[in-house]
Structures are given as structure tokens and as C-alpha cells.
């Protein structure tokens, strides 16, 4: 389980470096790059909002206990950052 956690955090770190590299590049600073960043952030905040609501509802319905809610929320946010790097690269290629 520890290997899974470490690999997930490593992937999140790499994905954040990919995001920062795109944001700092000339492609990320032009009009199309700014639009891609805006779309990515908007999409990820929407998923974050829905995910948090689902986790809270599952906690209120006693499908998830309170102790594991924090861990699940952390994993969700880390996974969302990884998904954000993939989404940005997909939008760049379209």
C-alpha cells in the first residue's frame, strides 16, 4: 500500500511539473494557451466540487466513515492534479 501511495504522489509531482512547464512556455502564455488553462481550471474545479459533494453525501449516508473521508479527499485531489496534466495535454493536441 505504501508503494501505491508513493507512486501516486510521484505522479502528482510529475504532473504538476508538466503543468508549470506549459504555463511558463510561450505556448501557454499566448491567447490559445490562456484559454486552455482557463478551460482546464474550470473543468477541474467542477469535478472537485462534485467529488467533494459526493464524498460528503456518502459520509452522511454512512457508506464512508469520518476517519477515511480525509484520506479519500486527499487521494481525490492528488488524482485530480494528475488528471489535469492529461487534460491539458489533450486540449493542446486538439
PDB file of N, CA and C in Angstrom:
ATOM      1  N   UNK A   1       0.825  -1.194   0.000  1.00  0.00           N
ATOM      2  CA  UNK A   1       0.000   0.000   0.000  1.00  0.00           C
ATOM      3  C   UNK A   1       0.870   1.259   0.000  1.00  0.00           C
ATOM      4  N   UNK A   2       1.992   1.182   0.687  1.00  0.00           N
ATOM      5  CA  UNK A   2       2.888   2.325   0.736  1.00  0.00           C
ATOM      6  C   UNK A   2       3.455   2.633  -0.645  1.00  0.00           C
ATOM      7  N   UNK A   3       3.752   1.593  -1.416  1.00  0.00           N
ATOM      8  CA  UNK A   3       4.283   1.792  -2.764  1.00  0.00           C
ATOM      9  C   UNK A   3       3.244   2.494  -3.635  1.00  0.00           C
ATOM     10  N   UNK A   4       1.988   2.140  -3.475  1.00  0.00           N
ATOM     11  CA  UNK A   4       0.918   2.789  -4.233  1.00  0.00           C
ATOM     12  C   UNK A   4       0.803   4.264  -3.874  1.00  0.00           C
ATOM     13  N   UNK A   5       0.895   4.576  -2.595  1.00  0.00           N
ATOM     14  CA  UNK A   5       0.815   5.966  -2.154  1.00  0.00           C
ATOM     15  C   UNK A   5       1.998   6.780  -2.674  1.00  0.00           C
ATOM     16  N   UNK A   6       3.195   6.213  -2.588  1.00  0.00           N
ATOM     17  CA  UNK A   6       4.381   6.921  -3.047  1.00  0.00           C
ATOM     18  C   UNK A   6       4.332   7.129  -4.553  1.00  0.00           C
ATOM     19  N   UNK A   7       3.898   6.112  -5.299  1.00  0.00           N
ATOM     20  CA  UNK A   7       3.816   6.258  -6.753  1.00  0.00           C
ATOM     21  C   UNK A   7       2.751   7.282  -7.147  1.00  0.00           C
ATOM     22  N   UNK A   8       1.642   7.334  -6.419  1.00  0.00           N
ATOM     23  CA  UNK A   8       0.603   8.325  -6.692  1.00  0.00           C
ATOM     24  C   UNK A   8       1.127   9.734  -6.438  1.00  0.00           C
ATOM     25  N   UNK A   9       1.858   9.920  -5.354  1.00  0.00           N
ATOM     26  CA  UNK A   9       2.432  11.234  -5.063  1.00  0.00           C
ATOM     27  C   UNK A   9       3.505  11.604  -6.078  1.00  0.00           C
ATOM     28  N   UNK A  10       4.299  10.624  -6.535  1.00  0.00           N
ATOM     29  CA  UNK A  10       5.309  10.888  -7.556  1.00  0.00           C
ATOM     30  C   UNK A  10       4.645  11.317  -8.865  1.00  0.00           C
ATOM     31  N   UNK A  11       3.583  10.622  -9.254  1.00  0.00           N
ATOM     32  CA  UNK A  11       2.857  11.001 -10.470  1.00  0.00           C
ATOM     33  C   UNK A  11       2.255  12.397 -10.343  1.00  0.00           C
ATOM     34  N   UNK A  12       1.762  12.735  -9.171  1.00  0.00           N
ATOM     35  CA  UNK A  12       1.213  14.075  -8.958  1.00  0.00           C
ATOM     36  C   UNK A  12       2.295  15.132  -9.073  1.00  0.00           C
ATOM     37  N   UNK A  13       3.479  14.843  -8.543  1.00  0.00           N
ATOM     38  CA  UNK A  13       4.586  15.781  -8.642  1.00  0.00           C
ATOM     39  C   UNK A  13       5.006  15.986 -10.093  1.00  0.00           C
ATOM     40  N   UNK A  14       5.116  14.897 -10.846  1.00  0.00           N
ATOM     41  CA  UNK A  14       5.479  14.987 -12.258  1.00  0.00           C
ATOM     42  C   UNK A  14       4.412  15.746 -13.035  1.00  0.00           C
ATOM     43  N   UNK A  15       3.151  15.494 -12.740  1.00  0.00           N
ATOM     44  CA  UNK A  15       2.080  16.186 -13.460  1.00  0.00           C
ATOM     45  C   UNK A  15       2.083  17.684 -13.157  1.00  0.00           C
ATOM     46  N   UNK A  16       2.411  18.053 -11.932  1.00  0.00           N
ATOM     47  CA  UNK A  16       2.495  19.472 -11.613  1.00  0.00           C
ATOM     48  C   UNK A  16       3.660  20.137 -12.342  1.00  0.00           C
ATOM     49  N   UNK A  17       4.779  19.429 -12.485  1.00  0.00           N
ATOM     50  CA  UNK A  17       5.890  19.972 -13.264  1.00  0.00           C
ATOM     51  C   UNK A  17       5.490  20.158 -14.721  1.00  0.00           C
ATOM     52  N   UNK A  18       4.719  19.223 -15.256  1.00  0.00           N
ATOM     53  CA  UNK A  18       4.232  19.348 -16.635  1.00  0.00           C
ATOM     54  C   UNK A  18       3.334  20.573 -16.764  1.00  0.00           C
ATOM     55  N   UNK A  19       2.446  20.757 -15.796  1.00  0.00           N
ATOM     56  CA  UNK A  19       1.550  21.921 -15.814  1.00  0.00           C
ATOM     57  C   UNK A  19       2.341  23.228 -15.735  1.00  0.00           C
ATOM     58  N   UNK A  20       3.318  23.289 -14.824  1.00  0.00           N
ATOM     59  CA  UNK A  20       4.124  24.504 -14.674  1.00  0.00           C
ATOM     60  C   UNK A  20       4.937  24.785 -15.926  1.00  0.00           C
ATOM     61  N   UNK A  21       5.439  23.724 -16.565  1.00  0.00           N
ATOM     62  CA  UNK A  21       6.216  23.894 -17.790  1.00  0.00           C
ATOM     63  C   UNK A  21       5.342  24.491 -18.886  1.00  0.00           C
ATOM     64  N   UNK A  22       4.099  24.007 -19.005  1.00  0.00           N
ATOM     65  CA  UNK A  22       3.189  24.550 -20.010  1.00  0.00           C
ATOM     66  C   UNK A  22       2.828  25.989 -19.695  1.00  0.00           C
ATOM     67  N   UNK A  23       2.556  26.285 -18.442  1.00  0.00           N
ATOM     68  CA  UNK A  23       2.169  27.643 -18.073  1.00  0.00           C
ATOM     69  C   UNK A  23       3.298  28.639 -18.287  1.00  0.00           C
ATOM     70  N   UNK A  24       4.536  28.219 -18.138  1.00  0.00           N
ATOM     71  CA  UNK A  24       5.675  29.111 -18.314  1.00  0.00           C
ATOM     72  C   UNK A  24       6.162  29.214 -19.752  1.00  0.00           C
ATOM     73  N   UNK A  25       5.676  28.329 -20.619  1.00  0.00           N
ATOM     74  CA  UNK A  25       6.144  28.349 -22.004  1.00  0.00           C
ATOM     75  C   UNK A  25       5.452  29.462 -22.789  1.00  0.00           C
ATOM     76  N   UNK A  26       6.008  29.750 -23.963  1.00  0.00           N
ATOM     77  CA  UNK A  26       5.397  30.777 -24.812  1.00  0.00           C
ATOM     78  C   UNK A  26       4.036  30.313 -25.325  1.00  0.00           C
ATOM     79  N   UNK A  27       3.885  29.000 -25.521  1.00  0.00           N
ATOM     80  CA  UNK A  27       2.591  28.467 -25.946  1.00  0.00           C
ATOM     81  C   UNK A  27       1.534  28.665 -24.858  1.00  0.00           C
ATOM     82  N   UNK A  28       1.924  28.525 -23.614  1.00  0.00           N
ATOM     83  CA  UNK A  28       0.990  28.695 -22.509  1.00  0.00           C
ATOM     84  C   UNK A  28       0.648  30.141 -22.230  1.00  0.00           C
ATOM     85  N   UNK A  29       1.480  31.064 -22.710  1.00  0.00           N
ATOM     86  CA  UNK A  29       1.236  32.481 -22.447  1.00  0.00           C
ATOM     87  C   UNK A  29       0.495  33.190 -23.568  1.00  0.00           C
ATOM     88  N   UNK A  30       0.331  32.528 -24.715  1.00  0.00           N
ATOM     89  CA  UNK A  30      -0.426  33.171 -25.788  1.00  0.00           C
ATOM     90  C   UNK A  30      -1.921  33.000 -25.546  1.00  0.00           C
ATOM     91  N   UNK A  31      -2.722  33.517 -26.458  1.00  0.00           N
ATOM     92  CA  UNK A  31      -4.177  33.525 -26.259  1.00  0.00           C
ATOM     93  C   UNK A  31      -4.753  32.112 -26.167  1.00  0.00           C
ATOM     94  N   UNK A  32      -4.306  31.224 -27.044  1.00  0.00           N
ATOM     95  CA  UNK A  32      -4.814  29.847 -27.033  1.00  0.00           C
ATOM     96  C   UNK A  32      -4.400  29.130 -25.745  1.00  0.00           C
ATOM     97  N   UNK A  33      -3.163  29.345 -25.309  1.00  0.00           N
ATOM     98  CA  UNK A  33      -2.679  28.718 -24.084  1.00  0.00           C
ATOM     99  C   UNK A  33      -3.429  29.199 -22.858  1.00  0.00           C
ATOM    100  N   UNK A  34      -3.742  30.477 -22.822  1.00  0.00           N
ATOM    101  CA  UNK A  34      -4.522  31.003 -21.696  1.00  0.00           C
ATOM    102  C   UNK A  34      -5.930  30.419 -21.686  1.00  0.00           C
ATOM    103  N   UNK A  35      -6.506  30.234 -22.888  1.00  0.00           N
ATOM    104  CA  UNK A  35      -7.832  29.624 -22.975  1.00  0.00           C
ATOM    105  C   UNK A  35      -7.799  28.173 -22.498  1.00  0.00           C
ATOM    106  N   UNK A  36      -6.737  27.451 -22.871  1.00  0.00           N
ATOM    107  CA  UNK A  36      -6.597  26.060 -22.425  1.00  0.00           C
ATOM    108  C   UNK A  36      -6.468  26.006 -20.904  1.00  0.00           C
ATOM    109  N   UNK A  37      -5.682  26.901 -20.327  1.00  0.00           N
ATOM    110  CA  UNK A  37      -5.536  26.931 -18.874  1.00  0.00           C
ATOM    111  C   UNK A  37      -6.861  27.252 -18.185  1.00  0.00           C
ATOM    112  N   UNK A  38      -7.606  28.198 -18.747  1.00  0.00           N
ATOM    113  CA  UNK A  38      -8.901  28.562 -18.180  1.00  0.00           C
ATOM    114  C   UNK A  38      -9.882  27.397 -18.263  1.00  0.00           C
ATOM    115  N   UNK A  39      -9.938  26.722 -19.407  1.00  0.00           N
ATOM    116  CA  UNK A  39     -10.830  25.577 -19.560  1.00  0.00           C
ATOM    117  C   UNK A  39     -10.442  24.441 -18.620  1.00  0.00           C
ATOM    118  N   UNK A  40      -9.145  24.208 -18.493  1.00  0.00           N
ATOM    119  CA  UNK A  40      -8.683  23.143 -17.608  1.00  0.00           C
ATOM    120  C   UNK A  40      -9.042  23.441 -16.158  1.00  0.00           C
ATOM    121  N   UNK A  41      -8.770  24.647 -15.717  1.00  0.00           N
ATOM    122  CA  UNK A  41      -9.094  25.010 -14.333  1.00  0.00           C
ATOM    123  C   UNK A  41     -10.588  24.955 -14.074  1.00  0.00           C
ATOM    124  N   UNK A  42     -11.376  25.433 -15.010  1.00  0.00           N
ATOM    125  CA  UNK A  42     -12.822  25.398 -14.850  1.00  0.00           C
ATOM    126  C   UNK A  42     -13.331  23.964 -14.762  1.00  0.00           C
ATOM    127  N   UNK A  43     -12.829  23.113 -15.636  1.00  0.00           N
ATOM    128  CA  UNK A  43     -13.236  21.707 -15.646  1.00  0.00           C
ATOM    129  C   UNK A  43     -12.828  21.003 -14.348  1.00  0.00           C
ATOM    130  N   UNK A  44     -11.597  21.241 -13.898  1.00  0.00           N
ATOM    131  CA  UNK A  44     -11.118  20.582 -12.684  1.00  0.00           C
ATOM    132  C   UNK A  44     -11.840  21.082 -11.434  1.00  0.00           C
ATOM    133  N   UNK A  45     -12.166  22.375 -11.372  1.00  0.00           N
ATOM    134  CA  UNK A  45     -12.922  22.875 -10.225  1.00  0.00           C
ATOM    135  C   UNK A  45     -14.330  22.296 -10.203  1.00  0.00           C
ATOM    136  N   UNK A  46     -14.921  22.104 -11.366  1.00  0.00           N
ATOM    137  CA  UNK A  46     -16.241  21.471 -11.426  1.00  0.00           C
ATOM    138  C   UNK A  46     -16.201  20.040 -10.921  1.00  0.00           C
ATOM    139  N   UNK A  47     -15.176  19.294 -11.338  1.00  0.00           N
ATOM    140  CA  UNK A  47     -15.034  17.917 -10.867  1.00  0.00           C
ATOM    141  C   UNK A  47     -14.746  17.895  -9.368  1.00  0.00           C
ATOM    142  N   UNK A  48     -13.905  18.815  -8.894  1.00  0.00           N
ATOM    143  CA  UNK A  48     -13.607  18.894  -7.463  1.00  0.00           C
ATOM    144  C   UNK A  48     -14.869  19.181  -6.667  1.00  0.00           C
ATOM    145  N   UNK A  49     -15.683  20.103  -7.137  1.00  0.00           N
ATOM    146  CA  UNK A  49     -16.925  20.455  -6.454  1.00  0.00           C
ATOM    147  C   UNK A  49     -17.848  19.232  -6.369  1.00  0.00           C
ATOM    148  N   UNK A  50     -18.051  18.553  -7.490  1.00  0.00           N
ATOM    149  CA  UNK A  50     -18.921  17.380  -7.490  1.00  0.00           C
ATOM    150  C   UNK A  50     -18.354  16.249  -6.641  1.00  0.00           C
ATOM    151  N   UNK A  51     -17.033  16.049  -6.706  1.00  0.00           N
ATOM    152  CA  UNK A  51     -16.407  14.985  -5.931  1.00  0.00           C
ATOM    153  C   UNK A  51     -16.530  15.203  -4.433  1.00  0.00           C
ATOM    154  N   UNK A  52     -16.340  16.431  -3.997  1.00  0.00           N
ATOM    155  CA  UNK A  52     -16.465  16.734  -2.574  1.00  0.00           C
ATOM    156  C   UNK A  52     -17.908  16.532  -2.117  1.00  0.00           C
ATOM    157  N   UNK A  53     -18.852  16.953  -2.932  1.00  0.00           N
ATOM    158  CA  UNK A  53     -20.261  16.752  -2.574  1.00  0.00           C
ATOM    159  C   UNK A  53     -20.587  15.269  -2.472  1.00  0.00           C
ATOM    160  N   UNK A  54     -20.113  14.471  -3.435  1.00  0.00           N
ATOM    161  CA  UNK A  54     -20.369  13.030  -3.402  1.00  0.00           C
ATOM    162  C   UNK A  54     -19.744  12.402  -2.161  1.00  0.00           C
ATOM    163  N   UNK A  55     -18.512  12.782  -1.836  1.00  0.00           N
ATOM    164  CA  UNK A  55     -17.861  12.224  -0.653  1.00  0.00           C
ATOM    165  C   UNK A  55     -18.595  12.608   0.634  1.00  0.00           C
ATOM    166  N   UNK A  56     -19.062  13.843   0.713  1.00  0.00           N
ATOM    167  CA  UNK A  56     -19.800  14.267   1.912  1.00  0.00           C
ATOM    168  C   UNK A  56     -21.129  13.535   2.016  1.00  0.00           C
ATOM    169  N   UNK A  57     -21.820  13.378   0.894  1.00  0.00           N
ATOM    170  CA  UNK A  57     -23.094  12.652   0.921  1.00  0.00           C
ATOM    171  C   UNK A  57     -22.866  11.186   1.319  1.00  0.00           C
ATOM    172  N   UNK A  58     -21.821  10.574   0.771  1.00  0.00           N
ATOM    173  CA  UNK A  58     -21.519   9.192   1.149  1.00  0.00           C
ATOM    174  C   UNK A  58     -21.156   9.080   2.623  1.00  0.00           C
ATOM    175  N   UNK A  59     -20.520  10.117   3.173  1.00  0.00           N
ATOM    176  CA  UNK A  59     -20.222  10.129   4.592  1.00  0.00           C
ATOM    177  C   UNK A  59     -21.498  10.278   5.412  1.00  0.00           C
ATOM    178  N   UNK A  60     -22.391  11.141   4.969  1.00  0.00           N
ATOM    179  CA  UNK A  60     -23.651  11.330   5.701  1.00  0.00           C
ATOM    180  C   UNK A  60     -24.537  10.093   5.662  1.00  0.00           C
ATOM    181  N   UNK A  61     -24.429   9.315   4.582  1.00  0.00           N
ATOM    182  CA  UNK A  61     -25.208   8.081   4.464  1.00  0.00           C
ATOM    183  C   UNK A  61     -24.500   6.882   5.100  1.00  0.00           C
ATOM    184  N   UNK A  62     -23.380   7.127   5.748  1.00  0.00           N
ATOM    185  CA  UNK A  62     -22.576   6.117   6.443  1.00  0.00           C
ATOM    186  C   UNK A  62     -22.004   5.042   5.537  1.00  0.00           C
ATOM    187  N   UNK A  63     -21.748   5.387   4.282  1.00  0.00           N
ATOM    188  CA  UNK A  63     -21.002   4.485   3.413  1.00  0.00           C
ATOM    189  C   UNK A  63     -19.499   4.664   3.634  1.00  0.00           C
ATOM    190  N   UNK A  64     -19.105   5.859   4.056  1.00  0.00           N
ATOM    191  CA  UNK A  64     -17.713   6.190   4.344  1.00  0.00           C
ATOM    192  C   UNK A  64     -17.662   6.713   5.769  1.00  0.00           C
ATOM    193  N   UNK A  65     -16.729   6.187   6.561  1.00  0.00           N
ATOM    194  CA  UNK A  65     -16.624   6.713   7.920  1.00  0.00           C
ATOM    195  C   UNK A  65     -15.826   8.015   7.918  1.00  0.00           C
ATOM    196  N   UNK A  66     -15.918   8.738   8.993  1.00  0.00           N
ATOM    197  CA  UNK A  66     -15.288  10.050   9.086  1.00  0.00           C
ATOM    198  C   UNK A  66     -13.772  10.007   9.017  1.00  0.00           C
ATOM    199  N   UNK A  67     -13.174   8.919   9.514  1.00  0.00           N
ATOM    200  CA  UNK A  67     -11.719   8.803   9.510  1.00  0.00           C
ATOM    201  C   UNK A  67     -11.168   8.649   8.097  1.00  0.00           C
ATOM    202  N   UNK A  68     -11.875   7.903   7.260  1.00  0.00           N
ATOM    203  CA  UNK A  68     -11.368   7.678   5.905  1.00  0.00           C
ATOM    204  C   UNK A  68     -11.776   8.793   4.939  1.00  0.00           C
ATOM    205  N   UNK A  69     -12.681   9.663   5.345  1.00  0.00           N
ATOM    206  CA  UNK A  69     -13.109  10.757   4.474  1.00  0.00           C
ATOM    207  C   UNK A  69     -11.943  11.682   4.129  1.00  0.00           C
ATOM    208  N   UNK A  70     -11.116  11.998   5.102  1.00  0.00           N
ATOM    209  CA  UNK A  70      -9.962  12.855   4.850  1.00  0.00           C
ATOM    210  C   UNK A  70      -8.972  12.219   3.889  1.00  0.00           C
ATOM    211  N   UNK A  71      -8.717  10.922   4.075  1.00  0.00           N
ATOM    212  CA  UNK A  71      -7.803  10.218   3.169  1.00  0.00           C
ATOM    213  C   UNK A  71      -8.363  10.161   1.757  1.00  0.00           C
ATOM    214  N   UNK A  72      -9.641   9.861   1.622  1.00  0.00           N
ATOM    215  CA  UNK A  72     -10.254   9.800   0.299  1.00  0.00           C
ATOM    216  C   UNK A  72     -10.246  11.156  -0.393  1.00  0.00           C
ATOM    217  N   UNK A  73     -10.466  12.204   0.373  1.00  0.00           N
ATOM    218  CA  UNK A  73     -10.421  13.552  -0.194  1.00  0.00           C
ATOM    219  C   UNK A  73      -9.010  13.904  -0.665  1.00  0.00           C
ATOM    220  N   UNK A  74      -8.006  13.517   0.101  1.00  0.00           N
ATOM    221  CA  UNK A  74      -6.621  13.757  -0.295  1.00  0.00           C
ATOM    222  C   UNK A  74      -6.284  12.992  -1.571  1.00  0.00           C
ATOM    223  N   UNK A  75      -6.661  11.719  -1.639  1.00  0.00           N
ATOM    224  CA  UNK A  75      -6.408  10.929  -2.844  1.00  0.00           C
ATOM    225  C   UNK A  75      -7.146  11.500  -4.046  1.00  0.00           C
ATOM    226  N   UNK A  76      -8.337  11.999  -3.822  1.00  0.00           N
ATOM    227  CA  UNK A  76      -9.125  12.580  -4.902  1.00  0.00           C
ATOM    228  C   UNK A  76      -8.444  13.830  -5.460  1.00  0.00           C
ATOM    229  N   UNK A  77      -7.952  14.684  -4.595  1.00  0.00           N
ATOM    230  CA  UNK A  77      -7.299  15.916  -5.029  1.00  0.00           C
ATOM    231  C   UNK A  77      -5.990  15.606  -5.754  1.00  0.00           C
ATOM    232  N   UNK A  78      -5.221  14.646  -5.250  1.00  0.00           N
ATOM    233  CA  UNK A  78      -3.964  14.262  -5.902  1.00  0.00           C
ATOM    234  C   UNK A  78      -4.259  13.663  -7.276  1.00  0.00           C
ATOM    235  N   UNK A  79      -5.252  12.811  -7.360  1.00  0.00           N
ATOM    236  CA  UNK A  79      -5.634  12.214  -8.633  1.00  0.00           C
ATOM    237  C   UNK A  79      -6.148  13.277  -9.595  1.00  0.00           C
ATOM    238  N   UNK A  80      -6.817  14.273  -9.069  1.00  0.00           N
ATOM    239  CA  UNK A  80      -7.311  15.361  -9.905  1.00  0.00           C
ATOM    240  C   UNK A  80      -6.171  16.160 -10.510  1.00  0.00           C
ATOM    241  N   UNK A  81      -5.084  16.336  -9.784  1.00  0.00           N
ATOM    242  CA  UNK A  81      -3.941  17.052 -10.354  1.00  0.00           C
ATOM    243  C   UNK A  81      -3.293  16.237 -11.470  1.00  0.00           C
ATOM    244  N   UNK A  82      -3.253  14.931 -11.318  1.00  0.00           N
ATOM    245  CA  UNK A  82      -2.724  14.069 -12.383  1.00  0.00           C
ATOM    246  C   UNK A  82      -3.634  14.149 -13.606  1.00  0.00           C
ATOM    247  N   UNK A  83      -4.928  14.084 -13.379  1.00  0.00           N
ATOM    248  CA  UNK A  83      -5.884  14.171 -14.474  1.00  0.00           C
ATOM    249  C   UNK A  83      -5.791  15.523 -15.174  1.00  0.00           C
ATOM    250  N   UNK A  84      -5.483  16.578 -14.429  1.00  0.00           N
ATOM    251  CA  UNK A  84      -5.349  17.911 -15.016  1.00  0.00           C
ATOM    252  C   UNK A  84      -4.219  17.996 -16.030  1.00  0.00           C
ATOM    253  N   UNK A  85      -3.114  17.312 -15.750  1.00  0.00           N
ATOM    254  CA  UNK A  85      -1.992  17.306 -16.700  1.00  0.00           C
ATOM    255  C   UNK A  85      -2.386  16.581 -17.980  1.00  0.00           C
ATOM    256  N   UNK A  86      -3.090  15.464 -17.851  1.00  0.00           N
ATOM    257  CA  UNK A  86      -3.553  14.740 -19.038  1.00  0.00           C
ATOM    258  C   UNK A  86      -4.560  15.569 -19.832  1.00  0.00           C
ATOM    259  N   UNK A  87      -5.445  16.256 -19.127  1.00  0.00           N
ATOM    260  CA  UNK A  87      -6.460  17.066 -19.788  1.00  0.00           C
ATOM    261  C   UNK A  87      -5.823  18.234 -20.543  1.00  0.00           C
ATOM    262  N   UNK A  88      -4.817  18.857 -19.934  1.00  0.00           N
ATOM    263  CA  UNK A  88      -4.126  19.961 -20.598  1.00  0.00           C
ATOM    264  C   UNK A  88      -3.422  19.487 -21.860  1.00  0.00           C
ATOM    265  N   UNK A  89      -2.729  18.364 -21.769  1.00  0.00           N
ATOM    266  CA  UNK A  89      -2.048  17.839 -22.957  1.00  0.00           C
ATOM    267  C   UNK A  89      -3.039  17.444 -24.038  1.00  0.00           C
ATOM    268  N   UNK A  90      -4.189  16.916 -23.650  1.00  0.00           N
ATOM    269  CA  UNK A  90      -5.216  16.550 -24.633  1.00  0.00           C
ATOM    270  C   UNK A  90      -5.760  17.803 -25.324  1.00  0.00           C
ATOM    271  N   UNK A  91      -5.990  18.867 -24.547  1.00  0.00           N
ATOM    272  CA  UNK A  91      -6.506  20.117 -25.130  1.00  0.00           C
ATOM    273  C   UNK A  91      -5.466  20.777 -26.037  1.00  0.00           C
ATOM    274  N   UNK A  92      -4.172  20.620 -25.708  1.00  0.00           N
ATOM    275  CA  UNK A  92      -3.131  21.191 -26.547  1.00  0.00           C
ATOM    276  C   UNK A  92      -3.101  20.522 -27.911  1.00  0.00           C
ATOM    277  N   UNK A  93      -3.378  19.245 -27.960  1.00  0.00           N
ATOM    278  CA  UNK A  93      -3.270  18.482 -29.204  1.00  0.00           C
ATOM    279  C   UNK A  93      -4.487  18.629 -30.111  1.00  0.00           C
ATOM    280  N   UNK A  94      -5.601  19.116 -29.569  1.00  0.00           N
ATOM    281  CA  UNK A  94      -6.804  19.275 -30.390  1.00  0.00           C
ATOM    282  C   UNK A  94      -6.653  20.462 -31.319  1.00  0.00           C
TER     283      UNK A  94
END
